[in-house]
């Protein structure tokens, strides 16, 4: 069993917080970069909405393949895998900027996403294992909030950087510079104490080992919640710029299309996104505080309802004030759902299964929604326009919220040993929390 956790944050805790925060920064930077640049990339390569949606879906396949990296953290250690992911994302993000066509770009981004999401997932596991139990929700929330900071920075830089001679490619060139510095900074990072304390198996654990444990039910439950959440959080922001600028089809066969795009200028869209990201950022930083004060489940109700309502508002509202509030809520929701689910996913499994459980529930199963939702939206948009195609995905977080209330226990204020011992279901007794 792990030793008792200190209740106060040490200087190393703050150093770790800074390192993991910077690593998470690029999850937000990369996500907003693609959503902001999608119209530019489609124009540069001469493709329409359906091919653009397929390309986004293809890049998101990398978030599923990240499973194979994340699960290695239970064998190789958290530090080693995090080092590999930072280096890999840096290289392939840079190569993406050199893409000669859409499919080369999508392939490079696919590989980059493997490393990026692996980096993000290991950061959450690190945070859960290293910070005191009464600060764990707060620190997970704050680290995830750096994703919003990355979104704000990227949203502010894109209108400037696309004016450079290298156009949209500049965004990816510039984004690799801090990552190189981060690769050097990781030298002061220590291995997770909880990982060091467990007995390592002499052979690599089998891929399907978790399915022979009582935690198989919990993996499926969390996978369903992640999948439903991604249906909306992945699409609401990604396609908004394309919706706001591009006019959808005028007719649906003999029926006049009642949905029109906003037809905003590039500058107006940039103003909405930058302003929305700036206002959303402090709200996302507050999610960690909510997790430790209201608890995980009450926080989930608040966050998921705001996410769903904001998605609908982004694609149906036309009044500037209501539209802006919806954009703020959508950007907030896309980031805020993550610390909620990160907390549950990292807390409800024992140390020797934590990386594997996160990889299965989030990367391999939950990310199916992350991959398929953009493809479905892209095809639907060619007939119905982006408005109704994306607004309907708001049902995802509502369903996910109901499953959280139905299936998951409250974990706030408990040690990881206590939360891991909460049985996956009434019919499945808890397994041993360590080897």
Protein backbone atom coordinates (compact mmCIF):
# COMPACT_ATOMS: atom_id res chain seq x y z
CA UNK A 1 0.00 0.00 0.00
CA UNK A 2 1.11 3.53 -0.62
CA UNK A 3 2.32 5.56 2.33
CA UNK A 4 0.13 8.24 3.83
CA UNK A 5 -0.15 11.29 1.62
CA UNK A 6 1.03 14.67 2.88
CA UNK A 7 -1.75 17.20 3.17
CA UNK A 8 0.42 20.18 2.22
CA UNK A 9 1.81 20.86 -1.21
CA UNK A 10 5.61 20.64 -1.28
CA UNK A 11 7.96 22.58 -3.59
CA UNK A 12 8.19 19.47 -5.77
CA UNK A 13 4.39 19.33 -6.01
CA UNK A 14 4.43 22.86 -7.43
CA UNK A 15 7.24 21.96 -9.82
CA UNK A 16 5.29 18.91 -10.97
CA UNK A 17 2.17 21.04 -11.32
CA UNK A 18 4.02 23.47 -13.60
CA UNK A 19 5.47 20.69 -15.74
CA UNK A 20 2.18 18.82 -16.16
CA UNK A 21 0.34 22.07 -16.78
CA UNK A 22 2.64 23.00 -19.64
CA UNK A 23 2.33 19.48 -21.08
CA UNK A 24 -1.48 19.75 -20.96
CA UNK A 25 -1.34 23.23 -22.52
CA UNK A 26 -0.78 21.65 -25.91
CA UNK A 27 -3.93 19.52 -25.76
CA UNK A 28 -5.89 22.77 -25.88
CA UNK A 29 -3.52 24.43 -28.36
CA UNK A 30 -3.77 21.54 -30.81
CA UNK A 31 -7.55 21.20 -30.52
CA UNK A 32 -8.22 24.89 -31.17
CA UNK A 33 -5.56 24.99 -33.90
CA UNK A 34 -7.40 22.41 -35.97
CA UNK A 35 -10.82 23.99 -35.41
CA UNK A 36 -9.50 27.46 -36.29
CA UNK A 37 -7.50 26.29 -39.30
CA UNK A 38 -9.98 23.78 -40.75
CA UNK A 39 -11.49 26.27 -43.27
CA UNK A 40 -7.99 27.43 -44.26
CA UNK A 41 -6.77 23.87 -44.71
CA UNK A 42 -9.86 22.89 -46.72
CA UNK A 43 -9.32 25.90 -48.99
CA UNK A 44 -5.58 25.31 -49.35
CA UNK A 45 -6.07 21.70 -50.38
CA UNK A 46 -9.31 22.26 -52.33
CA UNK A 47 -11.64 19.95 -50.36
CA UNK A 48 -15.22 20.37 -49.13
CA UNK A 49 -17.02 19.60 -45.87
CA UNK A 50 -17.30 15.82 -46.18
CA UNK A 51 -13.59 15.33 -46.91
CA UNK A 52 -12.74 17.83 -44.18
CA UNK A 53 -14.83 15.80 -41.72
CA UNK A 54 -13.13 12.56 -42.82
CA UNK A 55 -9.71 14.15 -42.33
CA UNK A 56 -10.63 15.29 -38.81
CA UNK A 57 -11.95 11.82 -38.04
CA UNK A 58 -8.75 10.27 -39.40
CA UNK A 59 -6.55 12.44 -37.20
CA UNK A 60 -8.66 11.45 -34.22
CA UNK A 61 -7.88 7.77 -34.82
CA UNK A 62 -4.60 8.65 -33.17
CA UNK A 63 -6.41 9.25 -29.91
CA UNK A 64 -7.52 5.61 -29.97
CA UNK A 65 -4.09 4.29 -30.89
CA UNK A 66 -2.71 6.22 -27.91
CA UNK A 67 -4.03 3.26 -25.93
CA UNK A 68 -0.86 1.30 -26.70
CA UNK A 69 1.33 4.04 -25.23
CA UNK A 70 -0.80 4.82 -22.20
CA UNK A 71 -1.01 1.22 -21.02
CA UNK A 72 2.80 1.00 -21.11
CA UNK A 73 2.85 3.38 -18.16
CA UNK A 74 1.91 0.43 -15.92
CA UNK A 75 5.01 -1.39 -17.14
CA UNK A 76 7.62 1.23 -18.07
CA UNK A 77 6.65 3.86 -15.53
CA UNK A 78 4.90 7.22 -15.77
CA UNK A 79 8.07 9.28 -16.30
CA UNK A 80 9.44 7.23 -19.20
CA UNK A 81 6.18 7.20 -21.14
CA UNK A 82 5.64 10.93 -20.58
CA UNK A 83 9.13 11.63 -21.96
CA UNK A 84 8.41 9.57 -25.09
CA UNK A 85 5.09 11.30 -25.71
CA UNK A 86 6.55 14.81 -25.45
CA UNK A 87 9.31 14.00 -27.95
CA UNK A 88 6.97 12.24 -30.37
CA UNK A 89 4.37 14.99 -30.39
CA UNK A 90 7.03 17.65 -30.98
CA UNK A 91 8.40 15.87 -34.05
CA UNK A 92 5.10 15.05 -35.74
CA UNK A 93 3.50 18.40 -35.01
CA UNK A 94 6.42 20.01 -36.84
CA UNK A 95 6.15 17.59 -39.78
CA UNK A 96 2.42 18.38 -40.04
CA UNK A 97 3.35 21.91 -41.04
CA UNK A 98 5.22 20.52 -44.06
CA UNK A 99 2.24 18.54 -45.41
CA UNK A 100 1.89 18.74 -49.24
CA UNK A 101 -1.75 17.56 -49.22
CA UNK A 102 -4.70 16.91 -46.92
CA UNK A 103 -4.04 13.22 -46.40
CA UNK A 104 -0.36 13.64 -45.52
CA UNK A 105 -1.42 16.30 -43.02
CA UNK A 106 -4.09 14.00 -41.55
CA UNK A 107 -1.61 11.13 -41.28
CA UNK A 108 0.96 13.29 -39.48
CA UNK A 109 -1.70 14.64 -37.15
CA UNK A 110 -2.88 11.09 -36.50
CA UNK A 111 0.58 10.14 -35.22
CA UNK A 112 0.93 13.46 -33.37
CA UNK A 113 -2.38 12.77 -31.60
CA UNK A 114 -1.08 9.38 -30.43
CA UNK A 115 1.68 11.14 -28.54
CA UNK A 116 -0.41 14.17 -27.53
CA UNK A 117 -3.23 12.18 -25.94
CA UNK A 118 -0.72 9.80 -24.40
CA UNK A 119 0.99 12.83 -22.85
CA UNK A 120 -2.35 14.16 -21.58
CA UNK A 121 -3.49 10.82 -20.12
CA UNK A 122 -0.21 10.18 -18.29
CA UNK A 123 -0.32 13.73 -16.91
CA UNK A 124 -3.69 12.96 -15.35
CA UNK A 125 -2.44 9.67 -13.87
CA UNK A 126 0.62 11.46 -12.50
CA UNK A 127 -1.57 14.14 -10.92
CA UNK A 128 -3.91 11.61 -9.29
CA UNK A 129 -1.02 9.64 -7.80
CA UNK A 130 1.19 12.47 -6.59
CA UNK A 131 -1.09 15.13 -5.10
CA UNK A 132 -2.76 14.92 -1.63
CA UNK A 133 -6.30 13.52 -1.57
CA UNK A 134 -7.93 16.76 -0.40
CA UNK A 135 -6.19 18.71 -3.18
CA UNK A 136 -6.39 16.06 -5.89
CA UNK A 137 -9.54 17.31 -7.59
CA UNK A 138 -8.26 20.88 -7.45
CA UNK A 139 -4.88 20.03 -8.96
CA UNK A 140 -6.36 17.80 -11.67
CA UNK A 141 -8.73 20.62 -12.54
CA UNK A 142 -5.98 23.24 -12.59
CA UNK A 143 -3.70 21.09 -14.75
CA UNK A 144 -6.54 20.44 -17.19
CA UNK A 145 -7.28 24.17 -17.19
CA UNK A 146 -3.92 24.73 -18.84
CA UNK A 147 -5.62 23.20 -21.87
CA UNK A 148 -7.92 26.23 -21.89
CA UNK A 149 -4.89 28.49 -21.63
CA UNK A 150 -3.48 26.72 -24.68
CA UNK A 151 -6.76 27.34 -26.47
CA UNK A 152 -6.68 31.04 -25.59
CA UNK A 153 -3.10 31.45 -26.75
CA UNK A 154 -3.74 29.57 -29.98
CA UNK A 155 -6.99 31.45 -30.68
CA UNK A 156 -5.13 34.72 -30.23
CA UNK A 157 -2.17 33.70 -32.35
CA UNK A 158 -4.00 32.15 -35.31
CA UNK A 159 -5.31 35.41 -36.88
CA UNK A 160 -1.78 36.80 -36.68
CA UNK A 161 0.17 33.72 -37.70
CA UNK A 162 -1.96 32.87 -40.75
CA UNK A 163 -0.87 36.21 -42.25
CA UNK A 164 2.74 34.99 -42.39
CA UNK A 165 4.13 33.77 -45.75
CA UNK A 166 3.76 30.16 -44.58
CA UNK A 167 0.06 30.71 -43.75
CA UNK A 168 -1.68 28.13 -41.57
CA UNK A 169 1.52 26.10 -41.35
CA UNK A 170 3.04 28.78 -39.14
CA UNK A 171 0.73 27.80 -36.28
CA UNK A 172 2.34 24.36 -36.12
CA UNK A 173 5.88 25.66 -36.58
CA UNK A 174 5.49 28.08 -33.66
CA UNK A 175 3.81 25.47 -31.45
CA UNK A 176 6.85 23.19 -31.45
CA UNK A 177 9.22 25.71 -29.86
CA UNK A 178 7.92 25.45 -26.24
CA UNK A 179 7.79 21.66 -26.59
CA UNK A 180 11.53 21.52 -27.25
CA UNK A 181 12.09 23.47 -24.03
CA UNK A 182 9.72 21.13 -22.16
CA UNK A 183 11.74 18.13 -23.31
CA UNK A 184 14.75 19.53 -21.45
CA UNK A 185 12.72 20.53 -18.38
CA UNK A 186 11.50 16.96 -17.79
CA UNK A 187 14.95 16.01 -16.40
CA UNK A 188 13.86 17.14 -12.92
CA UNK A 189 10.75 14.95 -13.01
CA UNK A 190 10.58 12.04 -10.55
CA UNK A 191 8.78 8.76 -10.99
CA UNK A 192 5.40 8.48 -9.27
CA UNK A 193 5.87 7.20 -5.71
CA UNK A 194 2.83 4.97 -6.02
CA UNK A 195 4.20 3.33 -9.15
CA UNK A 196 7.57 2.79 -7.46
CA UNK A 197 5.87 1.20 -4.45
CA UNK A 198 4.08 -1.59 -6.30
CA UNK A 199 5.61 -4.93 -7.13
CA UNK A 200 6.36 -5.14 -10.86
CA UNK A 201 5.31 -8.27 -12.70
CA UNK A 202 8.25 -10.18 -14.28
CA UNK A 203 6.53 -10.27 -17.67
CA UNK A 204 4.63 -7.57 -19.61
CA UNK A 205 0.96 -7.66 -18.56
CA UNK A 206 -1.36 -9.12 -21.21
CA UNK A 207 -3.43 -6.67 -23.20
CA UNK A 208 -6.74 -8.08 -21.93
CA UNK A 209 -5.77 -8.60 -18.29
CA UNK A 210 -8.21 -6.03 -16.95
CA UNK A 211 -11.13 -8.01 -18.40
CA UNK A 212 -10.37 -10.85 -15.99
CA UNK A 213 -10.66 -8.54 -12.98
CA UNK A 214 -13.78 -7.18 -11.23
CA UNK A 215 -12.94 -3.79 -12.77
CA UNK A 216 -14.16 -4.84 -16.22
CA UNK A 217 -17.63 -3.46 -15.43
CA UNK A 218 -16.20 -0.10 -14.40
CA UNK A 219 -14.13 0.12 -17.60
CA UNK A 220 -17.24 -0.37 -19.73
CA UNK A 221 -19.21 2.16 -17.70
CA UNK A 222 -16.54 4.84 -18.04
CA UNK A 223 -16.02 4.02 -21.71
CA UNK A 224 -19.71 4.65 -22.40
CA UNK A 225 -19.58 7.95 -20.49
CA UNK A 226 -16.45 9.10 -22.34
CA UNK A 227 -17.94 8.14 -25.72
CA UNK A 228 -21.18 10.04 -25.15
CA UNK A 229 -19.29 13.07 -23.89
CA UNK A 230 -16.99 13.18 -26.92
CA UNK A 231 -19.93 13.21 -29.33
CA UNK A 232 -20.45 16.83 -28.36
CA UNK A 233 -17.20 18.11 -26.82
CA UNK A 234 -15.24 17.12 -29.92
CA UNK A 235 -17.58 18.72 -32.44
CA UNK A 236 -19.06 21.82 -30.79
CA UNK A 237 -15.87 23.90 -31.06
CA UNK A 238 -14.19 22.10 -33.97
CA UNK A 239 -16.85 23.00 -36.55
CA UNK A 240 -18.06 26.33 -35.23
CA UNK A 241 -15.77 28.49 -37.35
CA UNK A 242 -16.75 26.61 -40.50
CA UNK A 243 -20.42 27.01 -39.53
CA UNK A 244 -20.09 30.70 -38.73
CA UNK A 245 -18.35 31.57 -42.01
CA UNK A 246 -19.62 29.10 -44.59
CA UNK A 247 -23.22 29.19 -45.80
CA UNK A 248 -24.90 25.74 -45.78
CA UNK A 249 -26.95 24.38 -48.70
CA UNK A 250 -30.00 26.44 -49.65
CA UNK A 251 -32.31 23.52 -50.23
CA UNK A 252 -32.92 20.02 -48.96
CA UNK A 253 -34.39 18.49 -52.10
CA UNK A 254 -37.70 20.29 -52.68
CA UNK A 255 -37.72 21.67 -49.11
CA UNK A 256 -36.21 25.04 -48.37
CA UNK A 257 -33.45 24.81 -45.78
CA UNK A 258 -34.55 26.91 -42.76
CA UNK A 259 -31.04 26.92 -41.27
CA UNK A 260 -28.58 29.55 -42.40
CA UNK A 261 -25.01 30.02 -41.27
CA UNK A 262 -23.98 33.18 -39.48
CA UNK A 263 -21.89 34.46 -42.41
CA UNK A 264 -19.46 36.21 -40.08
CA UNK A 265 -16.16 37.61 -41.26
CA UNK A 266 -12.82 36.03 -40.34
CA UNK A 267 -12.20 38.87 -37.88
CA UNK A 268 -15.63 38.54 -36.26
CA UNK A 269 -15.20 34.80 -35.79
CA UNK A 270 -11.75 35.38 -34.32
CA UNK A 271 -13.25 37.89 -31.90
CA UNK A 272 -15.88 35.42 -30.72
CA UNK A 273 -13.35 32.62 -30.25
CA UNK A 274 -10.64 34.70 -28.59
CA UNK A 275 -13.14 36.49 -26.33
CA UNK A 276 -14.90 33.24 -25.55
CA UNK A 277 -11.65 31.48 -24.71
CA UNK A 278 -10.49 34.34 -22.48
CA UNK A 279 -13.73 34.30 -20.46
CA UNK A 280 -13.91 30.51 -20.39
CA UNK A 281 -10.38 30.10 -19.04
CA UNK A 282 -10.97 31.30 -15.45
CA UNK A 283 -14.16 29.23 -15.35
CA UNK A 284 -12.23 26.12 -16.31
CA UNK A 285 -9.62 26.90 -13.66
CA UNK A 286 -12.49 26.90 -11.17
CA UNK A 287 -13.64 23.37 -12.03
CA UNK A 288 -10.97 21.81 -9.83
CA UNK A 289 -12.25 23.84 -6.88
CA UNK A 290 -15.79 22.63 -7.60
CA UNK A 291 -14.62 19.01 -7.69
CA UNK A 292 -13.24 19.25 -4.15
CA UNK A 293 -16.07 21.36 -2.70
CA UNK A 294 -19.27 20.26 -4.43
CA UNK A 295 -17.97 16.77 -5.11
CA UNK A 296 -17.46 14.94 -8.41
CA UNK A 297 -21.12 14.13 -9.15
CA UNK A 298 -22.67 17.54 -8.44
CA UNK A 299 -19.89 19.17 -10.45
CA UNK A 300 -20.63 16.79 -13.32
CA UNK A 301 -24.29 17.85 -13.38
CA UNK A 302 -23.35 21.52 -13.63
CA UNK A 303 -20.59 21.09 -16.21
CA UNK A 304 -22.41 18.66 -18.49
CA UNK A 305 -25.64 20.66 -18.60
CA UNK A 306 -23.73 23.85 -19.48
CA UNK A 307 -21.88 21.94 -22.21
CA UNK A 308 -25.06 20.61 -23.81
CA UNK A 309 -26.96 23.92 -23.66
CA UNK A 310 -24.00 25.87 -25.05
CA UNK A 311 -23.60 23.49 -27.98
CA UNK A 312 -27.21 24.03 -28.98
CA UNK A 313 -26.84 27.78 -28.57
CA UNK A 314 -23.71 27.97 -30.74
CA UNK A 315 -25.50 26.42 -33.70
CA UNK A 316 -28.99 27.92 -33.32
CA UNK A 317 -28.61 31.39 -31.76
CA UNK A 318 -28.27 34.50 -33.93
CA UNK A 319 -28.44 37.31 -31.37
CA UNK A 320 -24.82 38.41 -30.78
CA UNK A 321 -25.04 38.37 -26.96
CA UNK A 322 -26.65 34.93 -26.77
CA UNK A 323 -24.25 33.62 -29.39
CA UNK A 324 -21.24 34.91 -27.46
CA UNK A 325 -22.45 33.37 -24.20
CA UNK A 326 -22.92 30.08 -26.04
CA UNK A 327 -19.39 30.22 -27.48
CA UNK A 328 -18.00 30.87 -24.00
CA UNK A 329 -19.99 27.91 -22.65
CA UNK A 330 -18.93 25.60 -25.48
CA UNK A 331 -15.24 26.38 -25.05
CA UNK A 332 -15.65 26.00 -21.29
CA UNK A 333 -17.51 22.71 -21.68
CA UNK A 334 -15.02 21.17 -24.11
CA UNK A 335 -12.32 21.59 -21.44
CA UNK A 336 -14.40 21.33 -18.25
CA UNK A 337 -15.80 17.86 -18.92
CA UNK A 338 -12.25 16.53 -18.94
CA UNK A 339 -11.19 17.14 -15.30
CA UNK A 340 -14.51 15.67 -14.17
CA UNK A 341 -13.98 12.46 -16.10
CA UNK A 342 -10.22 12.45 -15.50
CA UNK A 343 -10.90 12.41 -11.77
CA UNK A 344 -13.32 9.50 -11.97
CA UNK A 345 -11.16 7.51 -14.40
CA UNK A 346 -7.94 7.89 -12.41
CA UNK A 347 -9.53 7.39 -8.98
CA UNK A 348 -11.66 4.29 -9.50
CA UNK A 349 -8.85 1.82 -10.25
CA UNK A 350 -5.85 0.48 -8.28
CA UNK A 351 -2.32 1.63 -9.10
CA UNK A 352 -1.25 -1.47 -11.03
CA UNK A 353 -4.32 -1.14 -13.31
CA UNK A 354 -4.65 2.65 -13.46
CA UNK A 355 -2.80 3.25 -16.74
CA UNK A 356 -4.41 0.23 -18.39
CA UNK A 357 -7.89 1.25 -17.22
CA UNK A 358 -7.44 4.82 -18.45
CA UNK A 359 -6.19 3.51 -21.79
CA UNK A 360 -9.11 1.12 -22.27
CA UNK A 361 -11.93 3.36 -21.08
CA UNK A 362 -10.74 6.59 -22.68
CA UNK A 363 -8.40 5.82 -25.55
CA UNK A 364 -9.51 2.51 -26.99
CA UNK A 365 -13.27 2.58 -26.35
CA UNK A 366 -14.36 6.08 -25.37
CA UNK A 367 -12.53 7.73 -28.25
CA UNK A 368 -14.69 5.90 -30.77
CA UNK A 369 -17.13 8.78 -30.31
CA UNK A 370 -14.26 11.24 -30.70
CA UNK A 371 -13.39 9.72 -34.08
CA UNK A 372 -16.83 9.03 -35.54
CA UNK A 373 -18.60 12.24 -34.48
CA UNK A 374 -16.60 14.58 -36.82
CA UNK A 375 -17.05 12.18 -39.74
CA UNK A 376 -20.81 11.99 -39.17
CA UNK A 377 -21.06 15.76 -38.78
CA UNK A 378 -19.06 16.33 -41.98
CA UNK A 379 -21.39 14.15 -44.04
CA UNK A 380 -24.56 15.52 -42.42
CA UNK A 381 -23.37 19.09 -43.01
CA UNK A 382 -23.30 18.58 -46.78
CA UNK A 383 -27.08 18.07 -46.71
CA UNK A 384 -28.35 19.86 -43.63
CA UNK A 385 -25.67 22.42 -42.82
CA UNK A 386 -23.43 22.51 -39.77
CA UNK A 387 -26.16 23.97 -37.53
CA UNK A 388 -28.46 20.97 -37.06
CA UNK A 389 -25.62 18.49 -37.70
CA UNK A 390 -23.72 19.66 -34.61
CA UNK A 391 -26.60 20.81 -32.39
CA UNK A 392 -28.02 17.29 -32.22
CA UNK A 393 -24.78 16.03 -30.61
CA UNK A 394 -25.77 17.90 -27.41
CA UNK A 395 -27.72 14.80 -26.41
CA UNK A 396 -24.37 13.12 -25.69
CA UNK A 397 -23.31 14.99 -22.52
CA UNK A 398 -26.87 14.87 -21.17
CA UNK A 399 -26.87 11.08 -21.46
CA UNK A 400 -23.34 10.92 -20.02
CA UNK A 401 -24.41 12.98 -17.00
CA UNK A 402 -27.30 10.62 -16.29
CA UNK A 403 -24.96 7.62 -16.44
CA UNK A 404 -22.55 9.30 -14.01
CA UNK A 405 -25.38 9.77 -11.53
CA UNK A 406 -26.59 6.21 -12.06
CA UNK A 407 -23.30 4.29 -12.13
CA UNK A 408 -20.42 6.11 -10.45
CA UNK A 409 -19.75 6.57 -6.71
CA UNK A 410 -18.66 9.86 -5.14
CA UNK A 411 -14.85 9.87 -4.76
CA UNK A 412 -14.18 13.36 -3.39
CA UNK A 413 -11.93 13.57 -0.31
CA UNK A 414 -10.96 9.88 -0.29
CA UNK A 415 -7.53 8.33 -0.77
CA UNK A 416 -6.84 6.41 -3.97
CA UNK A 417 -6.82 3.19 -1.98
CA UNK A 418 -10.34 3.98 -0.72
CA UNK A 419 -11.69 5.00 -4.13
CA UNK A 420 -10.18 1.98 -5.86
CA UNK A 421 -11.91 -0.24 -3.30
CA UNK A 422 -15.34 1.09 -4.28
CA UNK A 423 -16.76 -1.92 -6.09
CA UNK A 424 -17.27 -1.53 -9.84
CA UNK A 425 -20.85 -2.69 -9.38
CA UNK A 426 -23.00 -4.26 -6.64
CA UNK A 427 -22.36 -7.66 -8.21
CA UNK A 428 -18.58 -7.25 -8.46
CA UNK A 429 -16.68 -7.12 -5.14
CA UNK A 430 -13.60 -4.90 -5.14
CA UNK A 431 -10.30 -6.45 -6.06
CA UNK A 432 -7.03 -6.00 -4.23
CA UNK A 433 -5.78 -2.46 -4.65
CA UNK A 434 -2.13 -3.48 -5.13
CA UNK A 435 -0.07 -6.48 -6.14
